[in-house]
Amino acid sequence: ERLGGELPESGVVVLGDLASALLRGGDID
């Protein structure tokens, strides 16, 4: 939600960390 509609360059990093965290945390889908 904080990333908003216009993804800043730092948003790429946050999305990457989010994907990794979800995968490691077991929320595979």
PDB file of all heavy atoms in Angstrom:
ATOM      1  N   GLU A   1       0.833  -1.211   0.000  1.00  0.00           N
ATOM      2  CA  GLU A   1       0.000   0.000   0.000  1.00  0.00           C
ATOM      3  C   GLU A   1       0.870   1.264   0.000  1.00  0.00           C
ATOM      4  O   GLU A   1       0.592   2.228  -0.709  1.00  0.00           O
ATOM      5  CB  GLU A   1      -0.912  -0.001   1.223  1.00  0.00           C
ATOM      6  CG  GLU A   1      -1.908   1.132   1.250  1.00  0.00           C
ATOM      7  CD  GLU A   1      -2.844   1.029   2.435  1.00  0.00           C
ATOM      8  OE1 GLU A   1      -3.451  -0.042   2.625  1.00  0.00           O
ATOM      9  OE2 GLU A   1      -2.956   2.040   3.173  1.00  0.00           O
ATOM     10  N   ARG A   2       1.945   1.255   0.779  1.00  0.00           N
ATOM     11  CA  ARG A   2       2.830   2.415   0.832  1.00  0.00           C
ATOM     12  C   ARG A   2       3.567   2.647  -0.480  1.00  0.00           C
ATOM     13  O   ARG A   2       3.952   3.764  -0.798  1.00  0.00           O
ATOM     14  CB  ARG A   2       3.849   2.260   1.969  1.00  0.00           C
ATOM     15  CG  ARG A   2       3.315   2.722   3.305  1.00  0.00           C
ATOM     16  CD  ARG A   2       4.406   2.792   4.355  1.00  0.00           C
ATOM     17  NE  ARG A   2       4.961   1.511   4.710  1.00  0.00           N
ATOM     18  CZ  ARG A   2       4.397   0.612   5.511  1.00  0.00           C
ATOM     19  NH1 ARG A   2       3.219   0.879   6.035  1.00  0.00           N
ATOM     20  NH2 ARG A   2       4.995  -0.517   5.793  1.00  0.00           N
ATOM     21  N   LEU A   3       3.767   1.576  -1.254  1.00  0.00           N
ATOM     22  CA  LEU A   3       4.446   1.729  -2.544  1.00  0.00           C
ATOM     23  C   LEU A   3       3.621   2.564  -3.510  1.00  0.00           C
ATOM     24  O   LEU A   3       4.163   3.274  -4.346  1.00  0.00           O
ATOM     25  CB  LEU A   3       4.746   0.365  -3.169  1.00  0.00           C
ATOM     26  CG  LEU A   3       5.832  -0.448  -2.503  1.00  0.00           C
ATOM     27  CD1 LEU A   3       5.929  -1.816  -3.151  1.00  0.00           C
ATOM     28  CD2 LEU A   3       7.157   0.266  -2.552  1.00  0.00           C
ATOM     29  N   GLY A   4       2.302   2.444  -3.408  1.00  0.00           N
ATOM     30  CA  GLY A   4       1.416   3.233  -4.259  1.00  0.00           C
ATOM     31  C   GLY A   4       1.406   2.769  -5.705  1.00  0.00           C
ATOM     32  O   GLY A   4       1.982   1.752  -6.055  1.00  0.00           O
ATOM     33  N   GLY A   5       0.741   3.543  -6.545  1.00  0.00           N
ATOM     34  CA  GLY A   5       0.577   3.189  -7.951  1.00  0.00           C
ATOM     35  C   GLY A   5       1.839   3.372  -8.779  1.00  0.00           C
ATOM     36  O   GLY A   5       2.126   2.587  -9.667  1.00  0.00           O
ATOM     37  N   GLU A   6       2.591   4.415  -8.514  1.00  0.00           N
ATOM     38  CA  GLU A   6       3.843   4.670  -9.229  1.00  0.00           C
ATOM     39  C   GLU A   6       4.980   4.057  -8.439  1.00  0.00           C
ATOM     40  O   GLU A   6       5.403   4.593  -7.420  1.00  0.00           O
ATOM     41  CB  GLU A   6       4.070   6.173  -9.391  1.00  0.00           C
ATOM     42  CG  GLU A   6       3.361   6.764 -10.576  1.00  0.00           C
ATOM     43  CD  GLU A   6       3.821   6.161 -11.897  1.00  0.00           C
ATOM     44  OE1 GLU A   6       5.027   6.047 -12.143  1.00  0.00           O
ATOM     45  OE2 GLU A   6       2.927   5.802 -12.684  1.00  0.00           O
ATOM     46  N   LEU A   7       5.467   2.944  -8.886  1.00  0.00           N
ATOM     47  CA  LEU A   7       6.497   2.212  -8.161  1.00  0.00           C
ATOM     48  C   LEU A   7       7.843   2.925  -8.268  1.00  0.00           C
ATOM     49  O   LEU A   7       8.395   3.058  -9.357  1.00  0.00           O
ATOM     50  CB  LEU A   7       6.609   0.799  -8.738  1.00  0.00           C
ATOM     51  CG  LEU A   7       7.506  -0.163  -7.984  1.00  0.00           C
ATOM     52  CD1 LEU A   7       6.893  -0.485  -6.622  1.00  0.00           C
ATOM     53  CD2 LEU A   7       7.678  -1.438  -8.776  1.00  0.00           C
ATOM     54  N   PRO A   8       8.385   3.387  -7.140  1.00  0.00           N
ATOM     55  CA  PRO A   8       9.720   3.991  -7.178  1.00  0.00           C
ATOM     56  C   PRO A   8      10.774   2.895  -7.337  1.00  0.00           C
ATOM     57  O   PRO A   8      10.473   1.720  -7.171  1.00  0.00           O
ATOM     58  CB  PRO A   8       9.835   4.668  -5.803  1.00  0.00           C
ATOM     59  CG  PRO A   8       8.939   3.867  -4.923  1.00  0.00           C
ATOM     60  CD  PRO A   8       7.817   3.387  -5.810  1.00  0.00           C
ATOM     61  N   GLU A   9      11.989   3.284  -7.649  1.00  0.00           N
ATOM     62  CA  GLU A   9      13.052   2.287  -7.803  1.00  0.00           C
ATOM     63  C   GLU A   9      13.221   1.466  -6.537  1.00  0.00           C
ATOM     64  O   GLU A   9      13.459   0.265  -6.601  1.00  0.00           O
ATOM     65  CB  GLU A   9      14.369   2.956  -8.199  1.00  0.00           C
ATOM     66  CG  GLU A   9      14.391   3.343  -9.654  1.00  0.00           C
ATOM     67  CD  GLU A   9      15.784   3.662 -10.151  1.00  0.00           C
ATOM     68  OE1 GLU A   9      16.766   3.123  -9.617  1.00  0.00           O
ATOM     69  OE2 GLU A   9      15.867   4.448 -11.095  1.00  0.00           O
ATOM     70  N   SER A  10      13.079   2.093  -5.392  1.00  0.00           N
ATOM     71  CA  SER A  10      13.189   1.343  -4.141  1.00  0.00           C
ATOM     72  C   SER A  10      12.057   0.327  -4.001  1.00  0.00           C
ATOM     73  O   SER A  10      12.191  -0.662  -3.285  1.00  0.00           O
ATOM     74  CB  SER A  10      13.179   2.298  -2.948  1.00  0.00           C
ATOM     75  OG  SER A  10      11.942   2.992  -2.882  1.00  0.00           O
ATOM     76  N   GLY A  11      10.966   0.548  -4.706  1.00  0.00           N
ATOM     77  CA  GLY A  11       9.847  -0.386  -4.675  1.00  0.00           C
ATOM     78  C   GLY A  11      10.199  -1.736  -5.261  1.00  0.00           C
ATOM     79  O   GLY A  11       9.662  -2.774  -4.854  1.00  0.00           O
ATOM     80  N   VAL A  12      11.113  -1.754  -6.221  1.00  0.00           N
ATOM     81  CA  VAL A  12      11.568  -3.026  -6.801  1.00  0.00           C
ATOM     82  C   VAL A  12      12.210  -3.865  -5.702  1.00  0.00           C
ATOM     83  O   VAL A  12      11.954  -5.063  -5.581  1.00  0.00           O
ATOM     84  CB  VAL A  12      12.566  -2.783  -7.962  1.00  0.00           C
ATOM     85  CG1 VAL A  12      13.167  -4.087  -8.445  1.00  0.00           C
ATOM     86  CG2 VAL A  12      11.884  -2.050  -9.101  1.00  0.00           C
ATOM     87  N   VAL A  13      13.008  -3.220  -4.880  1.00  0.00           N
ATOM     88  CA  VAL A  13      13.677  -3.916  -3.779  1.00  0.00           C
ATOM     89  C   VAL A  13      12.645  -4.436  -2.779  1.00  0.00           C
ATOM     90  O   VAL A  13      12.725  -5.579  -2.330  1.00  0.00           O
ATOM     91  CB  VAL A  13      14.698  -2.981  -3.088  1.00  0.00           C
ATOM     92  CG1 VAL A  13      15.284  -3.618  -1.854  1.00  0.00           C
ATOM     93  CG2 VAL A  13      15.787  -2.589  -4.075  1.00  0.00           C
ATOM     94  N   VAL A  14      11.668  -3.599  -2.443  1.00  0.00           N
ATOM     95  CA  VAL A  14      10.641  -4.008  -1.486  1.00  0.00           C
ATOM     96  C   VAL A  14       9.844  -5.185  -2.042  1.00  0.00           C
ATOM     97  O   VAL A  14       9.576  -6.159  -1.324  1.00  0.00           O
ATOM     98  CB  VAL A  14       9.712  -2.828  -1.117  1.00  0.00           C
ATOM     99  CG1 VAL A  14       8.552  -3.297  -0.256  1.00  0.00           C
ATOM    100  CG2 VAL A  14      10.499  -1.741  -0.405  1.00  0.00           C
ATOM    101  N   LEU A  15       9.461  -5.139  -3.320  1.00  0.00           N
ATOM    102  CA  LEU A  15       8.745  -6.269  -3.918  1.00  0.00           C
ATOM    103  C   LEU A  15       9.599  -7.534  -3.877  1.00  0.00           C
ATOM    104  O   LEU A  15       9.089  -8.627  -3.615  1.00  0.00           O
ATOM    105  CB  LEU A  15       8.351  -5.959  -5.370  1.00  0.00           C
ATOM    106  CG  LEU A  15       7.148  -5.071  -5.574  1.00  0.00           C
ATOM    107  CD1 LEU A  15       6.952  -4.775  -7.064  1.00  0.00           C
ATOM    108  CD2 LEU A  15       5.887  -5.697  -5.003  1.00  0.00           C
ATOM    109  N   GLY A  16      10.890  -7.393  -4.143  1.00  0.00           N
ATOM    110  CA  GLY A  16      11.781  -8.550  -4.084  1.00  0.00           C
ATOM    111  C   GLY A  16      11.851  -9.133  -2.688  1.00  0.00           C
ATOM    112  O   GLY A  16      11.772 -10.351  -2.498  1.00  0.00           O
ATOM    113  N   ASP A  17      11.988  -8.264  -1.704  1.00  0.00           N
ATOM    114  CA  ASP A  17      12.032  -8.738  -0.319  1.00  0.00           C
ATOM    115  C   ASP A  17      10.700  -9.339   0.104  1.00  0.00           C
ATOM    116  O   ASP A  17      10.660 -10.328   0.844  1.00  0.00           O
ATOM    117  CB  ASP A  17      12.425  -7.597   0.613  1.00  0.00           C
ATOM    118  CG  ASP A  17      13.886  -7.206   0.450  1.00  0.00           C
ATOM    119  OD1 ASP A  17      14.666  -8.003  -0.121  1.00  0.00           O
ATOM    120  OD2 ASP A  17      14.244  -6.102   0.884  1.00  0.00           O
ATOM    121  N   LEU A  18       9.629  -8.760  -0.375  1.00  0.00           N
ATOM    122  CA  LEU A  18       8.304  -9.286  -0.065  1.00  0.00           C
ATOM    123  C   LEU A  18       8.125 -10.678  -0.657  1.00  0.00           C
ATOM    124  O   LEU A  18       7.679 -11.605   0.026  1.00  0.00           O
ATOM    125  CB  LEU A  18       7.223  -8.337  -0.578  1.00  0.00           C
ATOM    126  CG  LEU A  18       5.778  -8.800  -0.452  1.00  0.00           C
ATOM    127  CD1 LEU A  18       5.441  -9.170   0.980  1.00  0.00           C
ATOM    128  CD2 LEU A  18       4.837  -7.717  -0.961  1.00  0.00           C
ATOM    129  N   ALA A  19       8.481 -10.845  -1.919  1.00  0.00           N
ATOM    130  CA  ALA A  19       8.361 -12.169  -2.554  1.00  0.00           C
ATOM    131  C   ALA A  19       9.201 -13.201  -1.804  1.00  0.00           C
ATOM    132  O   ALA A  19       8.719 -14.302  -1.498  1.00  0.00           O
ATOM    133  CB  ALA A  19       8.788 -12.097  -4.022  1.00  0.00           C
ATOM    134  N   SER A  20      10.434 -12.848  -1.481  1.00  0.00           N
ATOM    135  CA  SER A  20      11.305 -13.774  -0.746  1.00  0.00           C
ATOM    136  C   SER A  20      10.729 -14.120   0.619  1.00  0.00           C
ATOM    137  O   SER A  20      10.733 -15.279   1.030  1.00  0.00           O
ATOM    138  CB  SER A  20      12.698 -13.164  -0.559  1.00  0.00           C
ATOM    139  OG  SER A  20      13.378 -13.091  -1.774  1.00  0.00           O
ATOM    140  N   ALA A  21      10.234 -13.103   1.317  1.00  0.00           N
ATOM    141  CA  ALA A  21       9.681 -13.326   2.653  1.00  0.00           C
ATOM    142  C   ALA A  21       8.456 -14.237   2.602  1.00  0.00           C
ATOM    143  O   ALA A  21       8.322 -15.150   3.420  1.00  0.00           O
ATOM    144  CB  ALA A  21       9.319 -11.990   3.296  1.00  0.00           C
ATOM    145  N   LEU A  22       7.586 -13.998   1.646  1.00  0.00           N
ATOM    146  CA  LEU A  22       6.395 -14.839   1.523  1.00  0.00           C
ATOM    147  C   LEU A  22       6.775 -16.283   1.194  1.00  0.00           C
ATOM    148  O   LEU A  22       6.213 -17.225   1.757  1.00  0.00           O
ATOM    149  CB  LEU A  22       5.455 -14.274   0.455  1.00  0.00           C
ATOM    150  CG  LEU A  22       4.754 -12.968   0.829  1.00  0.00           C
ATOM    151  CD1 LEU A  22       4.122 -12.328  -0.404  1.00  0.00           C
ATOM    152  CD2 LEU A  22       3.705 -13.213   1.906  1.00  0.00           C
ATOM    153  N   LEU A  23       7.725 -16.459   0.297  1.00  0.00           N
ATOM    154  CA  LEU A  23       8.154 -17.808  -0.068  1.00  0.00           C
ATOM    155  C   LEU A  23       8.797 -18.518   1.130  1.00  0.00           C
ATOM    156  O   LEU A  23       8.492 -19.675   1.405  1.00  0.00           O
ATOM    157  CB  LEU A  23       9.118 -17.769  -1.257  1.00  0.00           C
ATOM    158  CG  LEU A  23       8.486 -17.330  -2.576  1.00  0.00           C
ATOM    159  CD1 LEU A  23       9.564 -16.994  -3.606  1.00  0.00           C
ATOM    160  CD2 LEU A  23       7.537 -18.398  -3.110  1.00  0.00           C
ATOM    161  N   ARG A  24       9.679 -17.817   1.842  1.00  0.00           N
ATOM    162  CA  ARG A  24      10.317 -18.411   3.024  1.00  0.00           C
ATOM    163  C   ARG A  24       9.308 -18.652   4.130  1.00  0.00           C
ATOM    164  O   ARG A  24       9.426 -19.611   4.885  1.00  0.00           O
ATOM    165  CB  ARG A  24      11.431 -17.505   3.544  1.00  0.00           C
ATOM    166  CG  ARG A  24      12.725 -17.644   2.810  1.00  0.00           C
ATOM    167  CD  ARG A  24      13.887 -16.980   3.548  1.00  0.00           C
ATOM    168  NE  ARG A  24      13.591 -15.709   4.170  1.00  0.00           N
ATOM    169  CZ  ARG A  24      13.659 -14.523   3.576  1.00  0.00           C
ATOM    170  NH1 ARG A  24      14.022 -14.438   2.314  1.00  0.00           N
ATOM    171  NH2 ARG A  24      13.378 -13.417   4.234  1.00  0.00           N
ATOM    172  N   GLY A  25       8.330 -17.775   4.236  1.00  0.00           N
ATOM    173  CA  GLY A  25       7.317 -17.894   5.279  1.00  0.00           C
ATOM    174  C   GLY A  25       6.264 -18.944   4.996  1.00  0.00           C
ATOM    175  O   GLY A  25       5.414 -19.213   5.830  1.00  0.00           O
ATOM    176  N   GLY A  26       6.302 -19.533   3.799  1.00  0.00           N
ATOM    177  CA  GLY A  26       5.384 -20.618   3.479  1.00  0.00           C
ATOM    178  C   GLY A  26       4.155 -20.223   2.683  1.00  0.00           C
ATOM    179  O   GLY A  26       3.342 -21.085   2.341  1.00  0.00           O
ATOM    180  N   ASP A  27       3.987 -18.962   2.365  1.00  0.00           N
ATOM    181  CA  ASP A  27       2.836 -18.522   1.561  1.00  0.00           C
ATOM    182  C   ASP A  27       3.258 -18.564   0.089  1.00  0.00           C
ATOM    183  O   ASP A  27       3.495 -17.537  -0.544  1.00  0.00           O
ATOM    184  CB  ASP A  27       2.414 -17.114   1.986  1.00  0.00           C
ATOM    185  CG  ASP A  27       1.047 -16.729   1.429  1.00  0.00           C
ATOM    186  OD1 ASP A  27       0.563 -17.405   0.495  1.00  0.00           O
ATOM    187  OD2 ASP A  27       0.482 -15.729   1.920  1.00  0.00           O
ATOM    188  N   ILE A  28       3.348 -19.774  -0.436  1.00  0.00           N
ATOM    189  CA  ILE A  28       3.919 -20.021  -1.760  1.00  0.00           C
ATOM    190  C   ILE A  28       3.107 -19.366  -2.871  1.00  0.00           C
ATOM    191  O   ILE A  28       3.676 -18.733  -3.766  1.00  0.00           O
ATOM    192  CB  ILE A  28       4.069 -21.536  -2.020  1.00  0.00           C
ATOM    193  CG1 ILE A  28       4.913 -22.191  -0.915  1.00  0.00           C
ATOM    194  CG2 ILE A  28       4.640 -21.809  -3.402  1.00  0.00           C
ATOM    195  CD1 ILE A  28       6.305 -21.645  -0.773  1.00  0.00           C
ATOM    196  N   ASP A  29       1.801 -19.500  -2.823  1.00  0.00           N
ATOM    197  CA  ASP A  29       0.964 -18.916  -3.885  1.00  0.00           C
ATOM    198  C   ASP A  29       1.110 -17.398  -3.942  1.00  0.00           C
ATOM    199  O   ASP A  29       1.301 -16.818  -5.005  1.00  0.00           O
ATOM    200  CB  ASP A  29      -0.507 -19.288  -3.694  1.00  0.00           C
ATOM    201  CG  ASP A  29      -0.786 -20.754  -3.953  1.00  0.00           C
ATOM    202  OD1 ASP A  29       0.020 -21.406  -4.648  1.00  0.00           O
ATOM    203  OD2 ASP A  29      -1.805 -21.256  -3.441  1.00  0.00           O
TER     204      ASP A  29
END
